[in-house]
Amino acid sequence: MKKIFSSIVAVVAILFISCPAFAQANTDSVKKAVIKVANLHCNNDMPTIKKRLLNQDGIEDVSFTEIAGDASVFTINYHTSAINQEQIEKAIESTPGCDDKSETPYKVKRDGSRKKKKS
């Protein structure tokens, strides 16, 4: 009986080690990030950012609002096991501009509660 139990435990352990998707099934969730992006200059900026985000692992869906002033609000659904909000924000800010590919003009507007404290 002990051998059977030990064999079952060994098989389960091998499944968790050899199949990361199986092991992460309990740790993955889909979250929604609402991010305000500034320094937008034309209607092509939002689709450029959306395309960049959809090419990131873990991004499920991206939508955005029309430009208001120089900003737009992006709503991003993502899998927490593959990407986090900080990585999403870095992807936005590293997106090349739609007019000049050598520039990265887009800036995430962070509220006061998310700013890093100065030491």
Protein backbone atom coordinates (compact mmCIF):
# COMPACT_ATOMS: atom_id res chain seq x y z
CA MET A 1 0.00 0.00 0.00
CA LYS A 2 2.86 2.37 0.82
CA LYS A 3 4.42 1.71 -2.58
CA ILE A 4 1.21 2.61 -4.38
CA PHE A 5 0.83 5.84 -2.41
CA SER A 6 4.49 6.73 -3.03
CA SER A 7 4.05 6.05 -6.74
CA ILE A 8 1.01 8.32 -6.93
CA VAL A 9 2.83 11.12 -5.10
CA ALA A 10 5.80 10.72 -7.46
CA VAL A 11 3.58 10.92 -10.57
CA VAL A 12 1.81 14.04 -9.29
CA ALA A 13 5.16 15.65 -8.48
CA ILE A 14 6.47 14.88 -11.96
CA LEU A 15 3.35 16.42 -13.52
CA PHE A 16 3.84 19.65 -11.59
CA ILE A 17 7.53 19.84 -12.45
CA SER A 18 7.26 18.90 -16.12
CA CYS A 19 4.13 20.89 -16.97
CA PRO A 20 4.38 24.51 -15.78
CA ALA A 21 0.94 25.35 -17.17
CA PHE A 22 -0.56 22.64 -14.94
CA ALA A 23 1.33 23.96 -11.91
CA GLN A 24 0.39 27.59 -12.61
CA ALA A 25 -3.29 26.91 -13.17
CA ASN A 26 -4.04 27.96 -9.60
CA THR A 27 -1.82 31.07 -9.66
CA ASP A 28 -3.05 32.62 -12.90
CA SER A 29 -5.85 35.13 -12.96
CA VAL A 30 -7.05 37.69 -15.47
CA LYS A 31 -6.79 41.26 -14.22
CA LYS A 32 -7.82 44.57 -15.73
CA ALA A 33 -5.47 47.55 -15.81
CA VAL A 34 -6.78 51.02 -16.62
CA ILE A 35 -3.84 53.17 -17.71
CA LYS A 36 -3.87 56.79 -18.84
CA VAL A 37 -1.30 57.44 -21.56
CA ALA A 38 -0.17 60.98 -22.37
CA ASN A 39 1.82 62.65 -25.13
CA LEU A 40 -0.41 61.38 -27.92
CA HIS A 41 -0.45 63.56 -31.02
CA CYS A 42 -2.62 61.84 -33.61
CA ASN A 43 -5.24 59.12 -34.03
CA ASN A 44 -2.57 56.60 -35.09
CA ASP A 45 -0.86 56.65 -31.67
CA MET A 46 -3.48 54.54 -29.86
CA PRO A 47 -3.53 51.69 -32.43
CA THR A 48 0.30 51.70 -32.39
CA ILE A 49 0.32 51.22 -28.61
CA LYS A 50 -2.48 48.64 -28.79
CA LYS A 51 -0.56 46.57 -31.35
CA ARG A 52 2.57 46.69 -29.17
CA LEU A 53 0.59 45.51 -26.13
CA LEU A 54 -1.17 42.68 -27.96
CA ASN A 55 2.26 41.36 -28.99
CA GLN A 56 3.22 40.94 -25.30
CA ASP A 57 2.78 37.52 -23.69
CA GLY A 58 -0.20 37.44 -21.36
CA ILE A 59 -2.15 40.35 -22.85
CA GLU A 60 -5.66 39.18 -23.65
CA ASP A 61 -7.46 42.34 -24.78
CA VAL A 62 -6.76 46.07 -25.22
CA SER A 63 -9.21 48.91 -25.75
CA PHE A 64 -8.75 52.67 -25.65
CA THR A 65 -10.69 55.93 -25.61
CA GLU A 66 -10.45 58.79 -28.07
CA ILE A 67 -7.77 61.40 -27.42
CA ALA A 68 -8.81 64.00 -24.83
CA GLY A 69 -6.22 66.76 -24.73
CA ASP A 70 -3.05 64.78 -25.37
CA ALA A 71 -4.09 61.60 -23.52
CA SER A 72 -6.15 58.43 -23.88
CA VAL A 73 -7.26 55.79 -21.39
CA PHE A 74 -6.29 52.19 -22.18
CA THR A 75 -8.07 49.22 -20.63
CA ILE A 76 -5.94 46.09 -20.71
CA ASN A 77 -6.99 42.57 -19.67
CA TYR A 78 -3.94 40.45 -18.85
CA HIS A 79 -2.88 37.16 -17.28
CA THR A 80 -1.01 37.66 -14.02
CA SER A 81 1.09 34.54 -14.55
CA ALA A 82 2.68 36.07 -17.68
CA ILE A 83 2.86 39.84 -17.14
CA ASN A 84 2.19 42.50 -14.53
CA GLN A 85 1.06 46.14 -14.66
CA GLU A 86 4.59 47.52 -14.29
CA GLN A 87 5.72 45.51 -17.33
CA ILE A 88 2.68 46.73 -19.28
CA GLU A 89 3.53 50.34 -18.44
CA LYS A 90 7.15 49.81 -19.53
CA ALA A 91 5.92 48.32 -22.82
CA ILE A 92 3.78 51.40 -23.42
CA GLU A 93 6.59 53.82 -22.65
CA SER A 94 9.06 51.92 -24.85
CA THR A 95 6.71 51.90 -27.86
CA PRO A 96 8.23 53.81 -30.79
CA GLY A 97 6.22 56.79 -32.02
CA CYS A 98 4.08 56.26 -35.09
CA ASP A 99 5.77 59.17 -36.92
CA ASP A 100 9.40 58.77 -35.77
CA LYS A 101 10.42 55.22 -34.88
CA SER A 102 13.58 56.47 -33.13
CA GLU A 103 11.54 58.27 -30.43
CA THR A 104 9.53 56.83 -27.55
CA PRO A 105 7.14 59.72 -26.81
CA TYR A 106 4.37 57.98 -24.86
CA LYS A 107 4.17 58.49 -21.09
CA VAL A 108 2.02 56.68 -18.53
CA LYS A 109 0.27 59.11 -16.19
CA ARG A 110 0.50 57.71 -12.69
CA ASP A 111 -1.68 58.89 -9.85
CA GLY A 112 -0.09 60.14 -6.62
CA SER A 113 -0.61 56.85 -4.75
CA ARG A 114 1.51 54.85 -7.20
CA LYS A 115 4.53 57.15 -7.29
CA LYS A 116 7.69 55.70 -5.82
CA LYS A 117 8.86 57.27 -2.59
CA LYS A 118 12.16 59.14 -2.64
CA SER A 119 14.78 57.98 -0.16
